[in-house]
Amino acid sequence: MKPDNKSAFWAAAEASNEILKFYHCREFTSTKPIPSSGFLFHYTTADGLKGIIEKNELWATSAYFLNDSSEISYGCGVLREVLDFWIAQNSNRSASLSLRLAQDIRKSFGDDASPSIYVACFCEKDDLLSQWRAYGQSGGYSFGFKVPASDMSRGFKPEASTYTAKWVKVHYDRSEQVKKCRSVLDSVLAMSDNPKIAQAIADFDSHPQVGYPVFQRLLIDILLEEIVSFKNKAFAVEEEWRVVVRQRELVKQGTDDGGKLPAPINFRSSKGVLIPYIRLIPTSPPEKLPIACIRSGPTLEKATTAMGVRMMLEKNGFPNVQIEGSDIPVRL
């Protein structure tokens, strides 16, 4: 580096640090929602129940292979709408770094955008008719997991340390979703309008540590953190939470191996389709998953079903799990 470029280098580095500070303030100092009951519930089939208990693991499925195909594309659509509006409002600033960033990020979240995101879905209710209709046609179950209020990340983690898992509460109000996206854009893009920072990033445009691509990746990562919690209001009755699993730019946690190891992706088949997933294992193996209760769906006979589930739990070392049947008086 030339001596006269040192000040520009540190200005560019400071820009990245400001984004990191913004993220950490939002992520670690803001009040986080917690489920009111202290439990979250995962619905699955009889085969799913068997696999969870016998293998002592959950599966985070690629978001593009979930029952609702718009799980992530919906959030991308909201973000594209916000970006289009922001770009239209600022189109007269043709030389600004913020406009360039907004336009490039819009391309990154284009119609064919496919970020590598894996999701395990949970509900606040363990006896929900809409979920039984999805999973209970041939006998479904809901698993209740104790969620520590002090640290929701406890309980299970991705099998590979290069991936991170994060609990998010799903938001269904579109106006609130737009507001969240706009808040990120207004805050971070404003940093890039600082003339000193803009010039520094231009001077080190392709630098692997402080250049423009770094600035862009960090902003994309923050926006992804927002849109993974978005869902169409038609699904609001589900009161959904998600464990979102992916490789994060902002939360390396000392686990980045530079791409030396292959991604820990597994595959299962369903209806002739191969579905990618990542294993979620207990936080401290060989401990067990924190299963507190299991409820069988309304299509199953309570007493016989409870006996089979209890025998499987005992065989696989899960003590003190409460077993109940659905109270919904319908047959699906």
Protein backbone atom coordinates (compact mmCIF):
# COMPACT_ATOMS: atom_id res chain seq x y z
CA MET A 1 0.00 0.00 0.00
CA LYS A 2 1.28 3.42 -0.87
CA PRO A 3 1.77 5.76 2.12
CA ASP A 4 -0.65 8.34 0.70
CA ASN A 5 -3.37 5.68 0.56
CA LYS A 6 -3.24 4.80 4.26
CA SER A 7 -5.84 7.34 5.32
CA ALA A 8 -8.18 6.21 2.55
CA PHE A 9 -7.69 2.58 3.57
CA TRP A 10 -8.64 3.29 7.16
CA ALA A 11 -11.63 5.35 6.06
CA ALA A 12 -12.85 2.40 3.99
CA ALA A 13 -12.25 0.04 6.91
CA GLU A 14 -14.19 2.36 9.19
CA ALA A 15 -17.15 2.17 6.81
CA SER A 16 -17.27 -1.61 7.23
CA ASN A 17 -16.89 -1.23 10.99
CA GLU A 18 -19.84 1.17 11.09
CA ILE A 19 -22.02 -1.43 9.38
CA LEU A 20 -20.88 -4.06 11.86
CA LYS A 21 -21.67 -1.73 14.75
CA PHE A 22 -25.11 -1.07 13.30
CA TYR A 23 -25.75 -4.81 13.00
CA HIS A 24 -24.50 -5.68 16.47
CA CYS A 25 -26.58 -2.90 18.01
CA ARG A 26 -29.72 -4.29 16.36
CA GLU A 27 -28.81 -7.90 17.05
CA PHE A 28 -27.45 -7.87 20.58
CA THR A 29 -28.78 -4.81 22.38
CA SER A 30 -32.41 -4.69 21.24
CA THR A 31 -35.11 -6.53 23.19
CA LYS A 32 -35.81 -9.94 21.66
CA PRO A 33 -39.28 -11.51 21.58
CA ILE A 34 -39.76 -14.78 23.43
CA PRO A 35 -42.71 -17.21 23.29
CA SER A 36 -45.13 -16.41 26.10
CA SER A 37 -45.41 -20.04 27.23
CA GLY A 38 -41.67 -20.73 27.09
CA PHE A 39 -42.33 -23.51 24.55
CA LEU A 40 -42.36 -23.78 20.76
CA PHE A 41 -43.88 -26.65 18.81
CA HIS A 42 -42.69 -28.47 15.71
CA TYR A 43 -45.29 -30.40 13.69
CA THR A 44 -44.29 -33.51 11.79
CA THR A 45 -45.48 -36.87 10.48
CA ALA A 46 -45.13 -40.27 12.15
CA ASP A 47 -41.97 -40.91 10.12
CA GLY A 48 -40.67 -37.52 11.21
CA LEU A 49 -41.35 -38.33 14.85
CA LYS A 50 -39.51 -41.63 14.52
CA GLY A 51 -36.48 -39.97 12.91
CA ILE A 52 -36.26 -37.15 15.48
CA ILE A 53 -36.34 -39.55 18.43
CA GLU A 54 -34.12 -42.32 17.02
CA LYS A 55 -31.51 -40.03 15.43
CA ASN A 56 -31.71 -37.31 18.11
CA GLU A 57 -31.78 -34.57 15.47
CA LEU A 58 -34.05 -32.11 13.69
CA TRP A 59 -33.84 -31.14 10.04
CA ALA A 60 -33.63 -27.59 8.71
CA THR A 61 -34.98 -27.87 5.17
CA SER A 62 -33.96 -25.66 2.26
CA ALA A 63 -36.48 -22.83 2.27
CA TYR A 64 -37.25 -23.44 -1.41
CA PHE A 65 -38.53 -26.95 -0.67
CA LEU A 66 -40.94 -26.20 2.19
CA ASN A 67 -44.70 -26.74 1.96
CA ASP A 68 -45.19 -23.06 1.18
CA SER A 69 -42.98 -22.40 -1.85
CA SER A 70 -42.99 -18.65 -1.14
CA GLU A 71 -41.27 -18.97 2.26
CA ILE A 72 -38.27 -16.86 1.19
CA SER A 73 -39.37 -15.54 -2.20
CA TYR A 74 -42.12 -13.56 -0.43
CA GLY A 75 -39.52 -11.70 1.66
CA CYS A 76 -37.37 -11.11 -1.42
CA GLY A 77 -40.43 -9.62 -3.12
CA VAL A 78 -41.03 -7.19 -0.24
CA LEU A 79 -37.39 -6.13 -0.34
CA ARG A 80 -37.45 -5.63 -4.13
CA GLU A 81 -40.50 -3.40 -3.73
CA VAL A 82 -38.71 -1.28 -1.10
CA LEU A 83 -35.53 -1.08 -3.19
CA ASP A 84 -37.43 -0.10 -6.33
CA PHE A 85 -39.14 2.71 -4.43
CA TRP A 86 -35.86 3.89 -2.86
CA ILE A 87 -34.07 3.85 -6.23
CA ALA A 88 -36.90 5.80 -7.88
CA GLN A 89 -36.75 8.40 -5.11
CA ASN A 90 -32.97 8.79 -5.49
CA SER A 91 -32.52 8.35 -9.25
CA ASN A 92 -31.20 11.91 -9.62
CA ARG A 93 -28.12 11.01 -7.53
CA SER A 94 -26.43 9.17 -10.39
CA ALA A 95 -22.89 9.48 -9.01
CA SER A 96 -23.68 8.49 -5.43
CA LEU A 97 -22.31 5.32 -3.86
CA SER A 98 -25.63 4.70 -2.08
CA LEU A 99 -27.51 4.55 -5.39
CA ARG A 100 -24.95 2.17 -6.84
CA LEU A 101 -25.31 -0.05 -3.77
CA ALA A 102 -29.09 -0.02 -3.94
CA GLN A 103 -29.07 -0.93 -7.64
CA ASP A 104 -26.55 -3.75 -7.19
CA ILE A 105 -28.40 -5.17 -4.19
CA ARG A 106 -31.63 -5.04 -6.21
CA LYS A 107 -29.90 -7.25 -8.80
CA SER A 108 -28.77 -9.63 -6.05
CA PHE A 109 -32.38 -10.08 -4.94
CA GLY A 110 -33.72 -10.45 -8.48
CA ASP A 111 -36.55 -12.75 -9.45
CA ASP A 112 -34.19 -15.73 -9.57
CA ALA A 113 -32.44 -14.95 -6.28
CA SER A 114 -31.75 -18.12 -4.31
CA PRO A 115 -29.82 -17.47 -1.10
CA SER A 116 -28.73 -20.66 0.67
CA ILE A 117 -31.14 -20.67 3.61
CA TYR A 118 -32.41 -23.62 5.63
CA VAL A 119 -35.39 -23.43 7.94
CA ALA A 120 -36.96 -25.48 10.74
CA CYS A 121 -40.49 -24.28 11.49
CA PHE A 122 -42.23 -24.01 14.87
CA CYS A 123 -45.56 -22.69 16.21
CA GLU A 124 -46.58 -21.11 19.48
CA LYS A 125 -49.54 -23.53 19.68
CA ASP A 126 -49.33 -27.29 19.93
CA ASP A 127 -52.88 -28.18 18.86
CA LEU A 128 -53.55 -26.07 15.78
CA LEU A 129 -56.12 -27.21 13.22
CA SER A 130 -54.29 -25.73 10.21
CA GLN A 131 -51.14 -27.65 11.14
CA TRP A 132 -53.00 -30.91 11.63
CA ARG A 133 -54.50 -30.48 8.18
CA ALA A 134 -50.98 -30.20 6.78
CA TYR A 135 -49.36 -33.01 8.79
CA GLY A 136 -52.17 -35.06 10.28
CA GLN A 137 -53.86 -36.73 7.31
CA SER A 138 -52.24 -40.05 8.21
CA GLY A 139 -51.40 -39.23 11.80
CA GLY A 140 -49.30 -36.23 12.78
CA TYR A 141 -47.49 -35.11 15.93
CA SER A 142 -46.34 -31.86 17.54
CA PHE A 143 -43.10 -31.76 19.50
CA GLY A 144 -42.82 -29.23 22.30
CA PHE A 145 -39.36 -27.78 22.91
CA LYS A 146 -38.45 -25.78 26.00
CA VAL A 147 -37.02 -22.43 24.92
CA PRO A 148 -34.81 -20.73 27.55
CA ALA A 149 -35.73 -17.04 27.81
CA SER A 150 -32.14 -16.12 28.61
CA ASP A 151 -30.63 -17.79 25.54
CA MET A 152 -32.89 -19.08 22.79
CA SER A 153 -29.89 -20.47 20.91
CA ARG A 154 -29.51 -23.23 23.48
CA GLY A 155 -30.93 -26.66 22.77
CA PHE A 156 -29.66 -27.51 19.30
CA LYS A 157 -27.21 -26.27 16.69
CA PRO A 158 -26.20 -27.01 13.06
CA GLU A 159 -24.12 -30.15 12.68
CA ALA A 160 -21.31 -28.20 10.97
CA SER A 161 -19.74 -25.23 12.77
CA THR A 162 -19.45 -23.28 9.49
CA TYR A 163 -23.22 -22.73 9.67
CA THR A 164 -25.06 -20.71 12.32
CA ALA A 165 -28.61 -21.01 13.61
CA LYS A 166 -30.84 -18.17 14.71
CA TRP A 167 -34.36 -18.09 16.17
CA VAL A 168 -36.67 -15.56 14.49
CA LYS A 169 -40.30 -14.69 15.13
CA VAL A 170 -42.24 -14.45 11.88
CA HIS A 171 -43.81 -11.09 10.96
CA TYR A 172 -47.01 -11.06 8.91
CA ASP A 173 -47.89 -7.36 8.65
CA ARG A 174 -46.67 -6.08 5.28
CA SER A 175 -46.44 -2.46 6.39
CA GLU A 176 -44.18 -3.53 9.25
CA GLN A 177 -42.08 -5.62 6.85
CA VAL A 178 -41.61 -2.64 4.54
CA LYS A 179 -40.72 -0.46 7.53
CA LYS A 180 -38.02 -2.92 8.64
CA CYS A 181 -36.41 -3.02 5.19
CA ARG A 182 -36.57 0.75 4.83
CA SER A 183 -34.98 1.23 8.25
CA VAL A 184 -31.94 -0.82 7.21
CA LEU A 185 -31.57 0.95 3.87
CA ASP A 186 -31.95 4.43 5.33
CA SER A 187 -29.40 3.74 8.06
CA VAL A 188 -26.71 1.90 6.10
CA LEU A 189 -26.96 3.69 2.76
CA ALA A 190 -26.65 7.00 4.60
CA MET A 191 -23.19 5.89 5.76
CA SER A 192 -22.08 5.48 2.15
CA ASP A 193 -23.09 9.07 1.37
CA ASN A 194 -20.30 10.38 3.56
CA PRO A 195 -17.94 11.88 0.91
CA LYS A 196 -14.81 10.65 2.70
CA ILE A 197 -16.13 7.09 2.94
CA ALA A 198 -17.42 7.07 -0.64
CA GLN A 199 -14.06 8.20 -1.98
CA ALA A 200 -12.18 5.68 0.15
CA ILE A 201 -14.31 2.78 -1.06
CA ALA A 202 -13.83 3.99 -4.63
CA ASP A 203 -10.04 4.05 -4.11
CA PHE A 204 -10.12 0.42 -2.91
CA ASP A 205 -12.97 -0.73 -5.12
CA SER A 206 -12.00 -4.44 -5.35
CA HIS A 207 -9.97 -4.77 -2.16
CA PRO A 208 -10.88 -8.09 -0.42
CA GLN A 209 -11.03 -6.51 3.05
CA VAL A 210 -12.33 -2.97 2.65
CA GLY A 211 -13.49 -2.66 -0.96
CA TYR A 212 -16.93 -2.16 -2.42
CA PRO A 213 -17.80 -5.91 -2.56
CA VAL A 214 -17.27 -6.15 1.20
CA PHE A 215 -19.60 -3.21 1.84
CA GLN A 216 -22.18 -4.80 -0.47
CA ARG A 217 -21.98 -8.26 1.14
CA LEU A 218 -22.44 -6.85 4.63
CA LEU A 219 -25.55 -4.92 3.63
CA ILE A 220 -27.00 -7.96 1.85
CA ASP A 221 -26.43 -10.02 4.99
CA ILE A 222 -28.29 -7.52 7.18
CA LEU A 223 -31.20 -7.45 4.74
CA LEU A 224 -31.34 -11.24 4.66
CA GLU A 225 -31.56 -11.21 8.45
CA GLU A 226 -34.75 -9.18 8.06
CA ILE A 227 -36.56 -10.90 5.19
CA VAL A 228 -36.20 -14.45 6.55
CA SER A 229 -38.80 -13.44 9.16
CA PHE A 230 -41.39 -12.24 6.60
CA LYS A 231 -44.47 -14.22 5.60
CA ASN A 232 -47.79 -13.51 3.92
CA LYS A 233 -50.52 -12.42 6.35
CA ALA A 234 -52.71 -15.32 5.18
CA PHE A 235 -50.56 -17.55 7.41
CA ALA A 236 -50.79 -15.39 10.54
CA VAL A 237 -52.89 -17.98 12.40
CA GLU A 238 -49.77 -20.20 12.58
CA GLU A 239 -47.94 -17.78 14.94
CA GLU A 240 -44.73 -19.16 13.48
CA TRP A 241 -41.15 -19.03 14.67
CA ARG A 242 -38.19 -20.27 12.66
CA VAL A 243 -34.72 -21.59 13.26
CA VAL A 244 -32.86 -20.10 10.31
CA VAL A 245 -29.64 -21.87 9.34
CA ARG A 246 -27.09 -20.41 6.95
CA GLN A 247 -23.52 -19.18 6.56
CA ARG A 248 -23.50 -15.60 7.81
CA GLU A 249 -21.10 -12.91 6.70
CA LEU A 250 -21.65 -10.95 9.90
CA VAL A 251 -21.44 -13.79 12.43
CA LYS A 252 -18.46 -15.93 11.51
CA GLN A 253 -17.92 -16.94 15.16
CA GLY A 254 -14.41 -18.08 14.28
CA THR A 255 -15.81 -20.91 12.16
CA ASP A 256 -14.98 -19.76 8.65
CA ASP A 257 -12.69 -22.35 7.07
CA GLY A 258 -12.25 -20.52 3.79
CA GLY A 259 -14.40 -23.00 1.92
CA LYS A 260 -12.07 -25.95 2.53
CA LEU A 261 -14.80 -28.29 3.75
CA PRO A 262 -17.85 -29.16 1.66
CA ALA A 263 -21.19 -27.78 2.81
CA PRO A 264 -22.85 -30.20 5.28
CA ILE A 265 -25.91 -30.66 3.08
CA ASN A 266 -27.93 -33.88 3.23
CA PHE A 267 -30.79 -35.05 1.02
CA ARG A 268 -34.07 -36.87 1.49
CA SER A 269 -36.67 -37.80 -1.10
CA SER A 270 -40.35 -36.88 -1.12
CA LYS A 271 -42.83 -37.44 -3.95
CA GLY A 272 -39.99 -38.05 -6.41
CA VAL A 273 -38.08 -34.88 -5.44
CA LEU A 274 -34.69 -34.68 -3.71
CA ILE A 275 -34.91 -32.21 -0.82
CA PRO A 276 -31.76 -30.65 0.74
CA TYR A 277 -31.53 -30.25 4.50
CA ILE A 278 -29.04 -29.61 7.31
CA ARG A 279 -29.02 -31.56 10.56
CA LEU A 280 -29.68 -29.80 13.85
CA ILE A 281 -28.08 -31.68 16.73
CA PRO A 282 -28.04 -31.11 20.52
CA THR A 283 -25.94 -28.13 21.61
CA SER A 284 -23.73 -30.38 23.74
CA PRO A 285 -23.64 -33.92 22.31
CA PRO A 286 -24.24 -36.61 23.51
CA GLU A 287 -27.07 -34.81 25.32
CA LYS A 288 -30.61 -35.24 24.03
CA LEU A 289 -32.77 -32.69 22.22
CA PRO A 290 -34.79 -30.65 24.76
CA ILE A 291 -38.12 -32.36 24.02
CA ALA A 292 -40.63 -31.47 26.75
CA CYS A 293 -43.85 -32.87 25.32
CA ILE A 294 -45.42 -34.63 22.32
CA ARG A 295 -49.03 -34.36 21.19
CA SER A 296 -50.65 -36.72 18.68
CA GLY A 297 -53.08 -35.40 16.07
CA PRO A 298 -56.89 -35.73 16.08
CA THR A 299 -56.87 -38.65 13.62
CA LEU A 300 -55.14 -40.96 16.12
CA GLU A 301 -56.47 -42.99 19.05
CA LYS A 302 -54.96 -41.32 22.12
CA ALA A 303 -54.20 -44.23 24.43
CA THR A 304 -52.68 -46.60 21.87
CA THR A 305 -50.68 -43.81 20.24
CA ALA A 306 -49.32 -42.61 23.60
CA MET A 307 -48.17 -46.13 24.46
CA GLY A 308 -46.16 -46.48 21.25
CA VAL A 309 -44.58 -43.04 21.61
CA ARG A 310 -43.67 -43.67 25.24
CA MET A 311 -42.00 -46.98 24.42
CA MET A 312 -39.93 -45.33 21.69
CA LEU A 313 -38.92 -42.47 23.98
CA GLU A 314 -37.82 -44.86 26.73
CA LYS A 315 -35.82 -47.00 24.31
CA ASN A 316 -33.96 -43.93 23.02
CA GLY A 317 -33.24 -42.31 26.39
CA PHE A 318 -35.80 -39.47 26.52
CA PRO A 319 -37.19 -39.42 30.08
CA ASN A 320 -39.97 -37.25 31.48
CA VAL A 321 -41.61 -36.31 28.18
CA GLN A 322 -45.29 -35.48 28.55
CA ILE A 323 -47.52 -37.26 25.99
CA GLU A 324 -51.02 -36.09 25.07
CA GLY A 325 -53.56 -36.39 22.29
CA SER A 326 -55.23 -33.57 20.37
CA ASP A 327 -58.31 -32.00 21.93
CA ILE A 328 -59.75 -31.00 18.55
CA PRO A 329 -63.00 -32.96 18.03
CA VAL A 330 -62.66 -33.54 14.30
CA ARG A 331 -61.38 -36.21 11.97
CA LEU A 332 -59.36 -34.84 9.09
